[in-house]
């Protein structure tokens, strides 16, 4: 299973759009992505401290996550989303990593995104 930045962005955006501070966004709520990939990326976001997510691993030995839901963005999650929300900035971030043949990590995405936004602000 891979860390999928399009799924990560979709989860963060969906949580931000919630009308209440505590919501329930399920892994099954994303028809554009496979449920197990969404569940895995929710777990990654939770482990990294960007969202509060709840998930239950299968006990049958199939390696699946049976249930996954995200409840809300943390302050760090808002910072990450503020960095990748804008489509233009997001595309520049992805292009920067692709052009350098580097993998995207949370820390590097935040760093590159902030650099791109600073350049935009200075012009």
Protein backbone atom coordinates (compact mmCIF):
# COMPACT_ATOMS: atom_id res chain seq x y z
CA UNK A 1 0.00 0.00 0.00
CA UNK A 2 1.31 3.44 -0.87
CA UNK A 3 0.88 6.89 0.58
CA UNK A 4 -1.38 8.54 -1.98
CA UNK A 5 -1.25 12.31 -1.93
CA UNK A 6 -4.44 12.74 -3.96
CA UNK A 7 -6.32 10.71 -1.35
CA UNK A 8 -4.65 12.63 1.48
CA UNK A 9 -5.69 15.93 -0.09
CA UNK A 10 -9.24 14.67 -0.66
CA UNK A 11 -9.56 13.57 2.99
CA UNK A 12 -8.31 16.92 4.29
CA UNK A 13 -10.59 18.89 1.98
CA UNK A 14 -13.62 16.79 2.94
CA UNK A 15 -12.95 17.30 6.65
CA UNK A 16 -12.55 21.04 6.18
CA UNK A 17 -15.90 21.24 4.37
CA UNK A 18 -17.72 19.75 7.35
CA UNK A 19 -20.42 21.95 8.85
CA UNK A 20 -19.68 20.77 12.41
CA UNK A 21 -16.42 20.60 14.38
CA UNK A 22 -16.78 16.85 14.89
CA UNK A 23 -17.80 14.93 11.83
CA UNK A 24 -17.59 11.46 10.41
CA UNK A 25 -15.88 10.98 7.08
CA UNK A 26 -15.71 7.30 6.21
CA UNK A 27 -13.28 5.52 3.93
CA UNK A 28 -16.33 4.46 1.91
CA UNK A 29 -17.23 8.13 1.22
CA UNK A 30 -14.65 8.49 -1.58
CA UNK A 31 -15.98 6.87 -4.75
CA UNK A 32 -12.91 7.92 -6.78
CA UNK A 33 -10.55 5.79 -4.67
CA UNK A 34 -10.51 2.20 -3.38
CA UNK A 35 -11.79 1.94 0.19
CA UNK A 36 -8.66 0.18 1.52
CA UNK A 37 -6.40 2.89 0.09
CA UNK A 38 -8.51 5.62 1.70
CA UNK A 39 -8.52 3.75 5.02
CA UNK A 40 -4.74 3.32 4.88
CA UNK A 41 -4.16 7.01 4.15
CA UNK A 42 -6.55 8.00 6.95
CA UNK A 43 -4.42 5.90 9.29
CA UNK A 44 -1.25 7.61 8.01
CA UNK A 45 -2.78 11.06 8.55
CA UNK A 46 -3.80 10.05 12.07
CA UNK A 47 -0.38 8.63 12.90
CA UNK A 48 1.29 11.81 11.64
CA UNK A 49 -1.01 13.98 13.77
CA UNK A 50 -2.85 15.72 10.93
CA UNK A 51 -6.32 14.29 11.67
CA UNK A 52 -8.07 12.37 14.36
CA UNK A 53 -9.07 9.10 12.74
CA UNK A 54 -10.46 5.87 14.10
CA UNK A 55 -9.78 2.58 12.37
CA UNK A 56 -10.16 -1.09 13.10
CA UNK A 57 -7.88 -3.68 11.58
CA UNK A 58 -9.37 -6.97 10.48
CA UNK A 59 -8.72 -9.87 12.81
CA UNK A 60 -9.36 -12.50 10.12
CA UNK A 61 -5.81 -12.41 8.79
CA UNK A 62 -6.72 -10.78 5.47
CA UNK A 63 -4.66 -7.65 6.24
CA UNK A 64 -7.56 -5.27 5.67
CA UNK A 65 -8.76 -2.29 7.64
CA UNK A 66 -12.40 -3.11 8.39
CA UNK A 67 -13.56 0.36 9.34
CA UNK A 68 -11.90 3.74 9.04
CA UNK A 69 -13.28 7.18 9.69
CA UNK A 70 -11.79 10.60 10.16
CA UNK A 71 -13.33 12.94 12.74
CA UNK A 72 -11.55 16.28 12.38
CA UNK A 73 -8.43 18.16 11.30
CA UNK A 74 -5.83 18.99 13.91
CA UNK A 75 -4.05 22.34 13.84
CA UNK A 76 -1.19 20.65 11.96
CA UNK A 77 -3.77 19.23 9.55
CA UNK A 78 -5.05 22.74 8.84
CA UNK A 79 -1.46 23.86 8.17
CA UNK A 80 -0.92 20.97 5.75
CA UNK A 81 -4.19 21.70 3.97
CA UNK A 82 -3.40 25.42 3.80
CA UNK A 83 -0.21 24.42 1.99
CA UNK A 84 -1.80 22.05 -0.55
CA UNK A 85 -5.37 23.39 -0.97
CA UNK A 86 -4.74 25.79 -3.86
CA UNK A 87 -4.72 23.84 -7.15
CA UNK A 88 -1.95 25.96 -8.66
CA UNK A 89 0.34 25.55 -5.65
CA UNK A 90 -0.53 21.84 -5.40
CA UNK A 91 0.40 21.26 -9.04
CA UNK A 92 3.69 23.13 -8.57
CA UNK A 93 4.50 21.02 -5.51
CA UNK A 94 3.88 17.79 -7.41
CA UNK A 95 5.90 19.00 -10.40
CA UNK A 96 8.83 19.97 -8.17
CA UNK A 97 9.01 16.47 -6.70
CA UNK A 98 8.53 14.82 -10.08
CA UNK A 99 11.25 16.92 -11.73
CA UNK A 100 13.72 15.97 -8.98
CA UNK A 101 12.59 12.31 -8.87
CA UNK A 102 11.98 12.56 -5.14
CA UNK A 103 9.32 10.97 -2.98
CA UNK A 104 6.87 13.23 -1.19
CA UNK A 105 7.00 13.21 2.61
CA UNK A 106 4.84 15.28 4.91
CA UNK A 107 7.78 17.42 6.03
CA UNK A 108 9.06 18.00 2.50
CA UNK A 109 5.62 18.79 1.09
CA UNK A 110 5.16 21.41 3.79
CA UNK A 111 8.63 22.85 3.14
CA UNK A 112 8.30 22.94 -0.67
CA UNK A 113 4.75 24.28 -0.49
CA UNK A 114 5.76 27.09 1.85
CA UNK A 115 8.65 27.95 -0.48
CA UNK A 116 6.32 28.11 -3.47
CA UNK A 117 3.85 30.29 -1.58
CA UNK A 118 6.63 32.63 -0.44
CA UNK A 119 7.75 33.03 -4.04
CA UNK A 120 4.19 33.85 -5.08
CA UNK A 121 3.83 36.39 -2.27
CA UNK A 122 7.10 38.11 -3.19
CA UNK A 123 6.13 38.64 -6.83
